[in-house]
PDB file of N, CA and C in Angstrom:
ATOM      1  N   MET A   1      -5.984  20.742 -11.235  1.00  0.00           N
ATOM      2  CA  MET A   1      -5.430  19.901 -12.277  1.00  0.00           C
ATOM      3  C   MET A   1      -3.937  19.736 -12.015  1.00  0.00           C
ATOM      4  N   PRO A   2      -3.457  18.472 -11.980  1.00  0.00           N
ATOM      5  CA  PRO A   2      -2.033  18.253 -11.715  1.00  0.00           C
ATOM      6  C   PRO A   2      -1.166  18.754 -12.867  1.00  0.00           C
ATOM      7  N   GLY A   3       0.050  19.149 -12.521  1.00  0.00           N
ATOM      8  CA  GLY A   3       0.997  19.609 -13.529  1.00  0.00           C
ATOM      9  C   GLY A   3       1.643  18.446 -14.252  1.00  0.00           C
ATOM     10  N   ILE A   4       2.544  18.752 -15.133  1.00  0.00           N
ATOM     11  CA  ILE A   4       3.257  17.735 -15.897  1.00  0.00           C
ATOM     12  C   ILE A   4       4.199  16.994 -14.950  1.00  0.00           C
ATOM     13  N   LYS A   5       4.255  15.673 -15.107  1.00  0.00           N
ATOM     14  CA  LYS A   5       5.083  14.851 -14.221  1.00  0.00           C
ATOM     15  C   LYS A   5       5.709  13.735 -15.042  1.00  0.00           C
ATOM     16  N   PHE A   6       6.982  13.465 -14.790  1.00  0.00           N
ATOM     17  CA  PHE A   6       7.690  12.380 -15.458  1.00  0.00           C
ATOM     18  C   PHE A   6       8.305  11.479 -14.401  1.00  0.00           C
ATOM     19  N   GLY A   7       8.469  10.211 -14.716  1.00  0.00           N
ATOM     20  CA  GLY A   7       9.079   9.272 -13.780  1.00  0.00           C
ATOM     21  C   GLY A   7       8.032   8.544 -12.954  1.00  0.00           C
ATOM     22  N   VAL A   8       8.509   7.822 -11.975  1.00  0.00           N
ATOM     23  CA  VAL A   8       7.631   7.031 -11.120  1.00  0.00           C
ATOM     24  C   VAL A   8       7.968   7.289  -9.660  1.00  0.00           C
ATOM     25  N   GLU A   9       7.026   6.965  -8.784  1.00  0.00           N
ATOM     26  CA  GLU A   9       7.288   7.050  -7.353  1.00  0.00           C
ATOM     27  C   GLU A   9       8.231   5.899  -6.980  1.00  0.00           C
ATOM     28  N   PRO A  10       9.109   6.110  -6.000  1.00  0.00           N
ATOM     29  CA  PRO A  10      10.001   5.023  -5.592  1.00  0.00           C
ATOM     30  C   PRO A  10       9.221   3.912  -4.881  1.00  0.00           C
ATOM     31  N   ASN A  11       9.770   2.720  -4.894  1.00  0.00           N
ATOM     32  CA  ASN A  11       9.175   1.627  -4.143  1.00  0.00           C
ATOM     33  C   ASN A  11       9.624   1.729  -2.691  1.00  0.00           C
ATOM     34  N   MET A  12       8.716   1.458  -1.781  1.00  0.00           N
ATOM     35  CA  MET A  12       9.023   1.471  -0.362  1.00  0.00           C
ATOM     36  C   MET A  12       9.949   0.301  -0.036  1.00  0.00           C
ATOM     37  N   ARG A  13      10.918   0.531   0.829  1.00  0.00           N
ATOM     38  CA  ARG A  13      11.779  -0.552   1.289  1.00  0.00           C
ATOM     39  C   ARG A  13      10.966  -1.519   2.138  1.00  0.00           C
ATOM     40  N   GLU A  14      11.432  -2.757   2.222  1.00  0.00           N
ATOM     41  CA  GLU A  14      10.766  -3.727   3.081  1.00  0.00           C
ATOM     42  C   GLU A  14      10.857  -3.291   4.530  1.00  0.00           C
ATOM     43  N   VAL A  15       9.814  -3.569   5.291  1.00  0.00           N
ATOM     44  CA  VAL A  15       9.854  -3.330   6.732  1.00  0.00           C
ATOM     45  C   VAL A  15      10.673  -4.471   7.336  1.00  0.00           C
ATOM     46  N   PRO A  16      11.678  -4.162   8.163  1.00  0.00           N
ATOM     47  CA  PRO A  16      12.476  -5.237   8.767  1.00  0.00           C
ATOM     48  C   PRO A  16      11.603  -6.138   9.661  1.00  0.00           C
ATOM     49  N   PRO A  17      11.914  -7.432   9.731  1.00  0.00           N
ATOM     50  CA  PRO A  17      11.141  -8.338  10.584  1.00  0.00           C
ATOM     51  C   PRO A  17      11.054  -7.822  12.024  1.00  0.00           C
ATOM     52  N   GLY A  18       9.844  -7.920  12.588  1.00  0.00           N
ATOM     53  CA  GLY A  18       9.610  -7.492  13.953  1.00  0.00           C
ATOM     54  C   GLY A  18       9.339  -6.007  14.115  1.00  0.00           C
ATOM     55  N   GLN A  19       9.231  -5.260  13.014  1.00  0.00           N
ATOM     56  CA  GLN A  19       9.037  -3.813  13.098  1.00  0.00           C
ATOM     57  C   GLN A  19       7.782  -3.388  12.325  1.00  0.00           C
ATOM     58  N   THR A  20       7.455  -2.096  12.416  1.00  0.00           N
ATOM     59  CA  THR A  20       6.242  -1.586  11.779  1.00  0.00           C
ATOM     60  C   THR A  20       6.517  -0.302  11.009  1.00  0.00           C
ATOM     61  N   ALA A  21       5.600   0.032  10.128  1.00  0.00           N
ATOM     62  CA  ALA A  21       5.604   1.299   9.395  1.00  0.00           C
ATOM     63  C   ALA A  21       4.188   1.852   9.462  1.00  0.00           C
ATOM     64  N   THR A  22       4.065   3.174   9.352  1.00  0.00           N
ATOM     65  CA  THR A  22       2.754   3.817   9.303  1.00  0.00           C
ATOM     66  C   THR A  22       2.577   4.400   7.915  1.00  0.00           C
ATOM     67  N   ILE A  23       1.445   4.057   7.285  1.00  0.00           N
ATOM     68  CA  ILE A  23       1.183   4.478   5.910  1.00  0.00           C
ATOM     69  C   ILE A  23      -0.243   5.002   5.787  1.00  0.00           C
ATOM     70  N   LYS A  24      -0.491   5.703   4.699  1.00  0.00           N
ATOM     71  CA  LYS A  24      -1.842   6.058   4.280  1.00  0.00           C
ATOM     72  C   LYS A  24      -1.970   5.521   2.852  1.00  0.00           C
ATOM     73  N   LEU A  25      -3.034   4.797   2.584  1.00  0.00           N
ATOM     74  CA  LEU A  25      -3.248   4.209   1.264  1.00  0.00           C
ATOM     75  C   LEU A  25      -3.724   5.266   0.285  1.00  0.00           C
ATOM     76  N   ALA A  26      -3.200   5.235  -0.934  1.00  0.00           N
ATOM     77  CA  ALA A  26      -3.622   6.171  -1.975  1.00  0.00           C
ATOM     78  C   ALA A  26      -4.926   5.677  -2.593  1.00  0.00           C
ATOM     79  N   ASN A  27      -5.531   6.530  -3.376  1.00  0.00           N
ATOM     80  CA  ASN A  27      -6.775   6.193  -4.051  1.00  0.00           C
ATOM     81  C   ASN A  27      -6.616   4.873  -4.807  1.00  0.00           C
ATOM     82  N   PHE A  28      -7.589   3.983  -4.632  1.00  0.00           N
ATOM     83  CA  PHE A  28      -7.482   2.654  -5.224  1.00  0.00           C
ATOM     84  C   PHE A  28      -7.481   2.654  -6.742  1.00  0.00           C
ATOM     85  N   SER A  29      -7.811   3.767  -7.389  1.00  0.00           N
ATOM     86  CA  SER A  29      -7.770   3.826  -8.857  1.00  0.00           C
ATOM     87  C   SER A  29      -6.329   3.743  -9.369  1.00  0.00           C
ATOM     88  N   GLU A  30      -5.361   3.952  -8.477  1.00  0.00           N
ATOM     89  CA  GLU A  30      -3.945   3.904  -8.856  1.00  0.00           C
ATOM     90  C   GLU A  30      -3.293   2.558  -8.530  1.00  0.00           C
ATOM     91  N   TRP A  31      -4.015   1.643  -7.926  1.00  0.00           N
ATOM     92  CA  TRP A  31      -3.465   0.344  -7.561  1.00  0.00           C
ATOM     93  C   TRP A  31      -3.338  -0.521  -8.807  1.00  0.00           C
ATOM     94  N   GLU A  32      -2.339  -1.392  -8.807  1.00  0.00           N
ATOM     95  CA  GLU A  32      -2.197  -2.285  -9.956  1.00  0.00           C
ATOM     96  C   GLU A  32      -1.493  -3.575  -9.572  1.00  0.00           C
ATOM     97  N   ILE A  33      -1.630  -4.551 -10.431  1.00  0.00           N
ATOM     98  CA  ILE A  33      -0.936  -5.829 -10.277  1.00  0.00           C
ATOM     99  C   ILE A  33       0.161  -5.844 -11.334  1.00  0.00           C
ATOM    100  N   LYS A  34       1.395  -6.150 -10.889  1.00  0.00           N
ATOM    101  CA  LYS A  34       2.541  -6.139 -11.800  1.00  0.00           C
ATOM    102  C   LYS A  34       3.173  -7.524 -11.879  1.00  0.00           C
ATOM    103  N   GLU A  35       3.586  -7.887 -13.064  1.00  0.00           N
ATOM    104  CA  GLU A  35       4.350  -9.116 -13.241  1.00  0.00           C
ATOM    105  C   GLU A  35       5.826  -8.736 -13.149  1.00  0.00           C
ATOM    106  N   THR A  36       6.565  -9.388 -12.266  1.00  0.00           N
ATOM    107  CA  THR A  36       7.985  -9.092 -12.070  1.00  0.00           C
ATOM    108  C   THR A  36       8.806 -10.362 -12.283  1.00  0.00           C
ATOM    109  N   ASP A  37      10.121 -10.232 -12.214  1.00  0.00           N
ATOM    110  CA  ASP A  37      11.000 -11.393 -12.308  1.00  0.00           C
ATOM    111  C   ASP A  37      10.762 -12.375 -11.161  1.00  0.00           C
ATOM    112  N   TYR A  38      10.116 -11.901 -10.096  1.00  0.00           N
ATOM    113  CA  TYR A  38       9.859 -12.717  -8.909  1.00  0.00           C
ATOM    114  C   TYR A  38       8.394 -13.132  -8.803  1.00  0.00           C
ATOM    115  N   GLY A  39       7.656 -12.998  -9.894  1.00  0.00           N
ATOM    116  CA  GLY A  39       6.245 -13.362  -9.911  1.00  0.00           C
ATOM    117  C   GLY A  39       5.346 -12.150  -9.819  1.00  0.00           C
ATOM    118  N   MET A  40       4.045 -12.411  -9.673  1.00  0.00           N
ATOM    119  CA  MET A  40       3.053 -11.353  -9.601  1.00  0.00           C
ATOM    120  C   MET A  40       3.161 -10.632  -8.259  1.00  0.00           C
ATOM    121  N   LYS A  41       3.134  -9.287  -8.323  1.00  0.00           N
ATOM    122  CA  LYS A  41       3.175  -8.477  -7.104  1.00  0.00           C
ATOM    123  C   LYS A  41       2.094  -7.414  -7.184  1.00  0.00           C
ATOM    124  N   TYR A  42       1.634  -7.015  -6.009  1.00  0.00           N
ATOM    125  CA  TYR A  42       0.622  -5.972  -5.884  1.00  0.00           C
ATOM    126  C   TYR A  42       1.326  -4.651  -5.631  1.00  0.00           C
ATOM    127  N   SER A  43       0.965  -3.633  -6.383  1.00  0.00           N
ATOM    128  CA  SER A  43       1.568  -2.304  -6.247  1.00  0.00           C
ATOM    129  C   SER A  43       0.503  -1.350  -5.723  1.00  0.00           C
ATOM    130  N   ILE A  44       0.738  -0.868  -4.492  1.00  0.00           N
ATOM    131  CA  ILE A  44      -0.224   0.005  -3.823  1.00  0.00           C
ATOM    132  C   ILE A  44       0.473   1.324  -3.500  1.00  0.00           C
ATOM    133  N   PRO A  45       0.077   2.417  -4.144  1.00  0.00           N
ATOM    134  CA  PRO A  45       0.667   3.714  -3.805  1.00  0.00           C
ATOM    135  C   PRO A  45       0.279   4.100  -2.375  1.00  0.00           C
ATOM    136  N   VAL A  46       1.264   4.568  -1.625  1.00  0.00           N
ATOM    137  CA  VAL A  46       1.038   4.951  -0.231  1.00  0.00           C
ATOM    138  C   VAL A  46       1.761   6.261   0.065  1.00  0.00           C
ATOM    139  N   THR A  47       1.360   6.877   1.167  1.00  0.00           N
ATOM    140  CA  THR A  47       2.141   7.946   1.763  1.00  0.00           C
ATOM    141  C   THR A  47       2.727   7.359   3.027  1.00  0.00           C
ATOM    142  N   LEU A  48       4.031   7.394   3.144  1.00  0.00           N
ATOM    143  CA  LEU A  48       4.758   6.798   4.256  1.00  0.00           C
ATOM    144  C   LEU A  48       4.991   7.850   5.327  1.00  0.00           C
ATOM    145  N   PHE A  49       4.590   7.550   6.573  1.00  0.00           N
ATOM    146  CA  PHE A  49       4.766   8.487   7.679  1.00  0.00           C
ATOM    147  C   PHE A  49       5.841   8.038   8.664  1.00  0.00           C
ATOM    148  N   SER A  50       6.022   6.733   8.808  1.00  0.00           N
ATOM    149  CA  SER A  50       7.112   6.218   9.641  1.00  0.00           C
ATOM    150  C   SER A  50       7.556   4.877   9.078  1.00  0.00           C
ATOM    151  N   HIS A  51       8.836   4.612   9.189  1.00  0.00           N
ATOM    152  CA  HIS A  51       9.424   3.374   8.674  1.00  0.00           C
ATOM    153  C   HIS A  51      10.812   3.265   9.280  1.00  0.00           C
ATOM    154  N   PRO A  52      11.166   2.113   9.856  1.00  0.00           N
ATOM    155  CA  PRO A  52      12.471   1.991  10.502  1.00  0.00           C
ATOM    156  C   PRO A  52      13.672   2.097   9.562  1.00  0.00           C
ATOM    157  N   SER A  53      13.473   1.963   8.265  1.00  0.00           N
ATOM    158  CA  SER A  53      14.593   2.026   7.312  1.00  0.00           C
ATOM    159  C   SER A  53      14.795   3.404   6.692  1.00  0.00           C
ATOM    160  N   TYR A  54      14.007   4.394   7.120  1.00  0.00           N
ATOM    161  CA  TYR A  54      14.148   5.762   6.610  1.00  0.00           C
ATOM    162  C   TYR A  54      14.391   6.691   7.796  1.00  0.00           C
ATOM    163  N   ASP A  55      15.389   7.565   7.675  1.00  0.00           N
ATOM    164  CA  ASP A  55      15.736   8.469   8.764  1.00  0.00           C
ATOM    165  C   ASP A  55      14.883   9.724   8.801  1.00  0.00           C
ATOM    166  N   ASP A  56      14.731  10.387   7.697  1.00  0.00           N
ATOM    167  CA  ASP A  56      14.086  11.696   7.678  1.00  0.00           C
ATOM    168  C   ASP A  56      12.856  11.726   6.784  1.00  0.00           C
ATOM    169  N   ILE A  57      11.735  11.255   7.301  1.00  0.00           N
ATOM    170  CA  ILE A  57      10.480  11.335   6.562  1.00  0.00           C
ATOM    171  C   ILE A  57       9.802  12.633   6.974  1.00  0.00           C
ATOM    172  N   PRO A  58       9.440  13.486   6.010  1.00  0.00           N
ATOM    173  CA  PRO A  58       8.756  14.743   6.371  1.00  0.00           C
ATOM    174  C   PRO A  58       7.448  14.464   7.113  1.00  0.00           C
ATOM    175  N   SER A  59       7.005  15.399   7.931  1.00  0.00           N
ATOM    176  CA  SER A  59       5.752  15.216   8.675  1.00  0.00           C
ATOM    177  C   SER A  59       4.561  15.071   7.729  1.00  0.00           C
ATOM    178  N   SER A  60       4.669  15.610   6.525  1.00  0.00           N
ATOM    179  CA  SER A  60       3.603  15.463   5.524  1.00  0.00           C
ATOM    180  C   SER A  60       3.647  14.089   4.852  1.00  0.00           C
ATOM    181  N   GLY A  61       4.692  13.305   5.122  1.00  0.00           N
ATOM    182  CA  GLY A  61       4.822  11.972   4.556  1.00  0.00           C
ATOM    183  C   GLY A  61       5.638  11.952   3.280  1.00  0.00           C
ATOM    184  N   MET A  62       5.911  10.756   2.812  1.00  0.00           N
ATOM    185  CA  MET A  62       6.689  10.539   1.595  1.00  0.00           C
ATOM    186  C   MET A  62       5.895   9.599   0.695  1.00  0.00           C
ATOM    187  N   LYS A  63       5.656  10.022  -0.538  1.00  0.00           N
ATOM    188  CA  LYS A  63       4.913   9.187  -1.481  1.00  0.00           C
ATOM    189  C   LYS A  63       5.825   8.101  -2.042  1.00  0.00           C
ATOM    190  N   CYS A  64       5.308   6.884  -2.062  1.00  0.00           N
ATOM    191  CA  CYS A  64       6.043   5.754  -2.624  1.00  0.00           C
ATOM    192  C   CYS A  64       5.038   4.638  -2.913  1.00  0.00           C
ATOM    193  N   ASN A  65       5.521   3.530  -3.429  1.00  0.00           N
ATOM    194  CA  ASN A  65       4.671   2.380  -3.729  1.00  0.00           C
ATOM    195  C   ASN A  65       5.060   1.216  -2.830  1.00  0.00           C
ATOM    196  N   TRP A  66       4.070   0.594  -2.213  1.00  0.00           N
ATOM    197  CA  TRP A  66       4.298  -0.649  -1.491  1.00  0.00           C
ATOM    198  C   TRP A  66       4.089  -1.750  -2.515  1.00  0.00           C
ATOM    199  N   VAL A  67       5.168  -2.410  -2.930  1.00  0.00           N
ATOM    200  CA  VAL A  67       5.106  -3.466  -3.932  1.00  0.00           C
ATOM    201  C   VAL A  67       5.413  -4.772  -3.212  1.00  0.00           C
ATOM    202  N   SER A  68       4.444  -5.680  -3.220  1.00  0.00           N
ATOM    203  CA  SER A  68       4.574  -6.879  -2.399  1.00  0.00           C
ATOM    204  C   SER A  68       3.770  -8.025  -2.975  1.00  0.00           C
ATOM    205  N   LYS A  69       4.213  -9.231  -2.689  1.00  0.00           N
ATOM    206  CA  LYS A  69       3.414 -10.413  -3.013  1.00  0.00           C
ATOM    207  C   LYS A  69       2.926 -11.069  -1.720  1.00  0.00           C
ATOM    208  N   SER A  70       2.941 -10.313  -0.632  1.00  0.00           N
ATOM    209  CA  SER A  70       2.536 -10.824   0.676  1.00  0.00           C
ATOM    210  C   SER A  70       1.047 -11.139   0.719  1.00  0.00           C
ATOM    211  N   PHE A  71       0.666 -11.988   1.680  1.00  0.00           N
ATOM    212  CA  PHE A  71      -0.739 -12.304   1.878  1.00  0.00           C
ATOM    213  C   PHE A  71      -1.518 -11.040   2.245  1.00  0.00           C
ATOM    214  N   ALA A  72      -0.897 -10.137   3.013  1.00  0.00           N
ATOM    215  CA  ALA A  72      -1.574  -8.898   3.424  1.00  0.00           C
ATOM    216  C   ALA A  72      -1.922  -8.039   2.216  1.00  0.00           C
ATOM    217  N   SER A  73      -1.005  -7.892   1.253  1.00  0.00           N
ATOM    218  CA  SER A  73      -1.295  -7.081   0.067  1.00  0.00           C
ATOM    219  C   SER A  73      -2.361  -7.752  -0.799  1.00  0.00           C
ATOM    220  N   LYS A  74      -2.299  -9.067  -0.926  1.00  0.00           N
ATOM    221  CA  LYS A  74      -3.312  -9.797  -1.689  1.00  0.00           C
ATOM    222  C   LYS A  74      -4.681  -9.672  -1.021  1.00  0.00           C
ATOM    223  N   ALA A  75      -4.727  -9.805   0.302  1.00  0.00           N
ATOM    224  CA  ALA A  75      -5.998  -9.690   1.029  1.00  0.00           C
ATOM    225  C   ALA A  75      -6.588  -8.293   0.871  1.00  0.00           C
ATOM    226  N   LEU A  76      -5.728  -7.266   0.884  1.00  0.00           N
ATOM    227  CA  LEU A  76      -6.189  -5.891   0.697  1.00  0.00           C
ATOM    228  C   LEU A  76      -6.792  -5.720  -0.698  1.00  0.00           C
ATOM    229  N   PHE A  77      -6.135  -6.253  -1.717  1.00  0.00           N
ATOM    230  CA  PHE A  77      -6.673  -6.201  -3.088  1.00  0.00           C
ATOM    231  C   PHE A  77      -8.012  -6.925  -3.162  1.00  0.00           C
ATOM    232  N   ASN A  78      -8.094  -8.107  -2.544  1.00  0.00           N
ATOM    233  CA  ASN A  78      -9.336  -8.875  -2.591  1.00  0.00           C
ATOM    234  C   ASN A  78     -10.459  -8.181  -1.840  1.00  0.00           C
ATOM    235  N   TRP A  79     -10.128  -7.407  -0.820  1.00  0.00           N
ATOM    236  CA  TRP A  79     -11.128  -6.670  -0.063  1.00  0.00           C
ATOM    237  C   TRP A  79     -11.666  -5.505  -0.891  1.00  0.00           C
ATOM    238  N   ILE A  80     -10.786  -4.816  -1.604  1.00  0.00           N
ATOM    239  CA  ILE A  80     -11.175  -3.635  -2.383  1.00  0.00           C
ATOM    240  C   ILE A  80     -11.816  -4.002  -3.718  1.00  0.00           C
ATOM    241  N   PHE A  81     -11.205  -4.914  -4.451  1.00  0.00           N
ATOM    242  CA  PHE A  81     -11.633  -5.159  -5.832  1.00  0.00           C
ATOM    243  C   PHE A  81     -12.436  -6.444  -5.981  1.00  0.00           C
ATOM    244  N   ILE A  82     -13.379  -6.440  -6.911  1.00  0.00           N
ATOM    245  CA  ILE A  82     -14.162  -7.622  -7.242  1.00  0.00           C
ATOM    246  C   ILE A  82     -13.196  -8.688  -7.765  1.00  0.00           C
ATOM    247  N   ASN A  83     -13.218  -9.848  -7.144  1.00  0.00           N
ATOM    248  CA  ASN A  83     -12.317 -10.959  -7.501  1.00  0.00           C
ATOM    249  C   ASN A  83     -10.842 -10.573  -7.419  1.00  0.00           C
ATOM    250  N   GLY A  84     -10.514  -9.516  -6.666  1.00  0.00           N
ATOM    251  CA  GLY A  84      -9.126  -9.097  -6.506  1.00  0.00           C
ATOM    252  C   GLY A  84      -8.519  -8.468  -7.742  1.00  0.00           C
ATOM    253  N   GLU A  85      -9.343  -8.120  -8.734  1.00  0.00           N
ATOM    254  CA  GLU A  85      -8.857  -7.589 -10.007  1.00  0.00           C
ATOM    255  C   GLU A  85      -9.308  -6.146 -10.195  1.00  0.00           C
ATOM    256  N   PRO A  86      -8.379  -5.181 -10.317  1.00  0.00           N
ATOM    257  CA  PRO A  86      -8.757  -3.777 -10.502  1.00  0.00           C
ATOM    258  C   PRO A  86      -9.691  -3.540 -11.687  1.00  0.00           C
ATOM    259  N   GLU A  87      -9.476  -4.258 -12.783  1.00  0.00           N
ATOM    260  CA  GLU A  87     -10.313  -4.035 -13.962  1.00  0.00           C
ATOM    261  C   GLU A  87     -11.747  -4.535 -13.769  1.00  0.00           C
ATOM    262  N   GLN A  88     -11.991  -5.339 -12.732  1.00  0.00           N
ATOM    263  CA  GLN A  88     -13.345  -5.824 -12.430  1.00  0.00           C
ATOM    264  C   GLN A  88     -14.176  -4.783 -11.684  1.00  0.00           C
ATOM    265  N   GLY A  89     -13.504  -3.772 -11.118  1.00  0.00           N
ATOM    266  CA  GLY A  89     -14.218  -2.734 -10.380  1.00  0.00           C
ATOM    267  C   GLY A  89     -14.091  -2.915  -8.878  1.00  0.00           C
ATOM    268  N   VAL A  90     -14.670  -1.983  -8.150  1.00  0.00           N
ATOM    269  CA  VAL A  90     -14.567  -1.955  -6.691  1.00  0.00           C
ATOM    270  C   VAL A  90     -15.743  -2.705  -6.080  1.00  0.00           C
ATOM    271  N   ASN A  91     -15.477  -3.466  -5.027  1.00  0.00           N
ATOM    272  CA  ASN A  91     -16.533  -4.151  -4.284  1.00  0.00           C
ATOM    273  C   ASN A  91     -17.511  -3.138  -3.707  1.00  0.00           C
ATOM    274  N   THR A  92     -18.693  -3.597  -3.361  1.00  0.00           N
ATOM    275  CA  THR A  92     -19.711  -2.753  -2.733  1.00  0.00           C
ATOM    276  C   THR A  92     -19.510  -2.777  -1.225  1.00  0.00           C
ATOM    277  N   PHE A  93     -19.513  -1.587  -0.616  1.00  0.00           N
ATOM    278  CA  PHE A  93     -19.340  -1.472   0.829  1.00  0.00           C
ATOM    279  C   PHE A  93     -20.512  -0.713   1.423  1.00  0.00           C
ATOM    280  N   ASP A  94     -20.806  -0.974   2.696  1.00  0.00           N
ATOM    281  CA  ASP A  94     -21.887  -0.258   3.369  1.00  0.00           C
ATOM    282  C   ASP A  94     -21.341   0.900   4.201  1.00  0.00           C
ATOM    283  N   PHE A  95     -20.191   1.422   3.798  1.00  0.00           N
ATOM    284  CA  PHE A  95     -19.590   2.585   4.442  1.00  0.00           C
ATOM    285  C   PHE A  95     -18.895   3.412   3.373  1.00  0.00           C
ATOM    286  N   ASP A  96     -18.462   4.608   3.737  1.00  0.00           N
ATOM    287  CA  ASP A  96     -17.808   5.516   2.799  1.00  0.00           C
ATOM    288  C   ASP A  96     -16.346   5.104   2.630  1.00  0.00           C
ATOM    289  N   LEU A  97     -16.052   4.406   1.548  1.00  0.00           N
ATOM    290  CA  LEU A  97     -14.707   3.889   1.305  1.00  0.00           C
ATOM    291  C   LEU A  97     -13.677   5.014   1.202  1.00  0.00           C
ATOM    292  N   GLU A  98     -14.028   6.104   0.540  1.00  0.00           N
ATOM    293  CA  GLU A  98     -13.092   7.232   0.408  1.00  0.00           C
ATOM    294  C   GLU A  98     -12.704   7.779   1.778  1.00  0.00           C
ATOM    295  N   LYS A  99     -13.655   7.849   2.705  1.00  0.00           N
ATOM    296  CA  LYS A  99     -13.379   8.329   4.054  1.00  0.00           C
ATOM    297  C   LYS A  99     -12.426   7.377   4.779  1.00  0.00           C
ATOM    298  N   GLU A 100     -12.621   6.089   4.590  1.00  0.00           N
ATOM    299  CA  GLU A 100     -11.757   5.100   5.229  1.00  0.00           C
ATOM    300  C   GLU A 100     -10.311   5.215   4.731  1.00  0.00           C
ATOM    301  N   PHE A 101     -10.158   5.594   3.467  1.00  0.00           N
ATOM    302  CA  PHE A 101      -8.823   5.691   2.896  1.00  0.00           C
ATOM    303  C   PHE A 101      -8.059   6.908   3.415  1.00  0.00           C
ATOM    304  N   LYS A 102      -8.728   7.837   4.048  1.00  0.00           N
ATOM    305  CA  LYS A 102      -8.051   9.008   4.603  1.00  0.00           C
ATOM    306  C   LYS A 102      -7.398   8.696   5.944  1.00  0.00           C
ATOM    307  N   LYS A 103      -7.661   7.502   6.488  1.00  0.00           N
ATOM    308  CA  LYS A 103      -7.093   7.091   7.770  1.00  0.00           C
ATOM    309  C   LYS A 103      -5.711   6.464   7.552  1.00  0.00           C
ATOM    310  N   LYS A 104      -4.932   6.419   8.629  1.00  0.00           N
ATOM    311  CA  LYS A 104      -3.610   5.797   8.567  1.00  0.00           C
ATOM    312  C   LYS A 104      -3.732   4.311   8.896  1.00  0.00           C
ATOM    313  N   TRP A 105      -2.743   3.563   8.423  1.00  0.00           N
ATOM    314  CA  TRP A 105      -2.685   2.122   8.614  1.00  0.00           C
ATOM    315  C   TRP A 105      -1.322   1.754   9.189  1.00  0.00           C
ATOM    316  N   LYS A 106      -1.294   0.696   9.994  1.00  0.00           N
ATOM    317  CA  LYS A 106      -0.026   0.171  10.513  1.00  0.00           C
ATOM    318  C   LYS A 106       0.314  -1.087   9.727  1.00  0.00           C
ATOM    319  N   LEU A 107       1.483  -1.062   9.108  1.00  0.00           N
ATOM    320  CA  LEU A 107       1.988  -2.202   8.358  1.00  0.00           C
ATOM    321  C   LEU A 107       3.037  -2.879   9.234  1.00  0.00           C
ATOM    322  N   SER A 108       2.756  -4.098   9.668  1.00  0.00           N
ATOM    323  CA  SER A 108       3.648  -4.823  10.576  1.00  0.00           C
ATOM    324  C   SER A 108       4.299  -5.981   9.837  1.00  0.00           C
ATOM    325  N   ARG A 109       5.547  -6.222  10.151  1.00  0.00           N
ATOM    326  CA  ARG A 109       6.240  -7.389   9.604  1.00  0.00           C
ATOM    327  C   ARG A 109       6.570  -8.296  10.768  1.00  0.00           C
ATOM    328  N   HIS A 110       6.061  -9.478  10.722  1.00  0.00           N
ATOM    329  CA  HIS A 110       6.274 -10.441  11.789  1.00  0.00           C
ATOM    330  C   HIS A 110       7.708 -10.967  11.745  1.00  0.00           C
ATOM    331  N   GLU A 111       8.155 -11.517  12.844  1.00  0.00           N
ATOM    332  CA  GLU A 111       9.513 -12.083  12.917  1.00  0.00           C
ATOM    333  C   GLU A 111       9.733 -13.155  11.866  1.00  0.00           C
ATOM    334  N   THR A 112       8.670 -13.824  11.456  1.00  0.00           N
ATOM    335  CA  THR A 112       8.773 -14.884  10.443  1.00  0.00           C
ATOM    336  C   THR A 112       8.821 -14.327   9.023  1.00  0.00           C
ATOM    337  N   GLY A 113       8.626 -12.998   8.867  1.00  0.00           N
ATOM    338  CA  GLY A 113       8.713 -12.379   7.553  1.00  0.00           C
ATOM    339  C   GLY A 113       7.396 -11.968   6.945  1.00  0.00           C
ATOM    340  N   GLY A 114       6.283 -12.521   7.411  1.00  0.00           N
ATOM    341  CA  GLY A 114       4.961 -12.190   6.872  1.00  0.00           C
ATOM    342  C   GLY A 114       4.529 -10.793   7.309  1.00  0.00           C
ATOM    343  N   TYR A 115       3.659 -10.189   6.501  1.00  0.00           N
ATOM    344  CA  TYR A 115       3.129  -8.850   6.794  1.00  0.00           C
ATOM    345  C   TYR A 115       1.700  -8.947   7.318  1.00  0.00           C
ATOM    346  N   GLY A 116       1.340  -7.959   8.105  1.00  0.00           N
ATOM    347  CA  GLY A 116      -0.036  -7.742   8.536  1.00  0.00           C
ATOM    348  C   GLY A 116      -0.320  -6.263   8.398  1.00  0.00           C
ATOM    349  N   ILE A 117      -1.563  -5.902   8.131  1.00  0.00           N
ATOM    350  CA  ILE A 117      -1.926  -4.499   7.993  1.00  0.00           C
ATOM    351  C   ILE A 117      -3.230  -4.260   8.739  1.00  0.00           C
ATOM    352  N   GLU A 118      -3.275  -3.158   9.507  1.00  0.00           N
ATOM    353  CA  GLU A 118      -4.490  -2.821  10.237  1.00  0.00           C
ATOM    354  C   GLU A 118      -4.688  -1.330  10.255  1.00  0.00           C
ATOM    355  N   GLN A 119      -5.949  -0.947  10.212  1.00  0.00           N
ATOM    356  CA  GLN A 119      -6.284   0.476  10.224  1.00  0.00           C
ATOM    357  C   GLN A 119      -6.126   1.038  11.627  1.00  0.00           C
ATOM    358  N   LEU A 120      -5.573   2.230  11.729  1.00  0.00           N
ATOM    359  CA  LEU A 120      -5.395   2.884  13.034  1.00  0.00           C
ATOM    360  C   LEU A 120      -6.584   3.735  13.383  1.00  0.00           C
TER     361      LEU A 120
END
């Protein structure tokens, strides 16, 4: 049972164009869609293992939120959730989704600014 906790996890900095970060996705029950001053954004809790904008990430990783309105974050939501909406429930998969979430992912930012994400 987790202890008492106050505050929020920090948001991950943007990956600079042309570079990559290595992340592990948190349990999808913690994912959410947020309305911000810049429009709707997807908030995905992650553990960050490498990122060009952070100098000292512990080997165990750093917990933070990837908050983005990128096509990659939207596609990830649409892949996990029915109609891309957390309150609609999780899509049906023919594999163990929890096992897949224990793997690391590479988050790439293209020179044009767009993101791509792929499982390692």
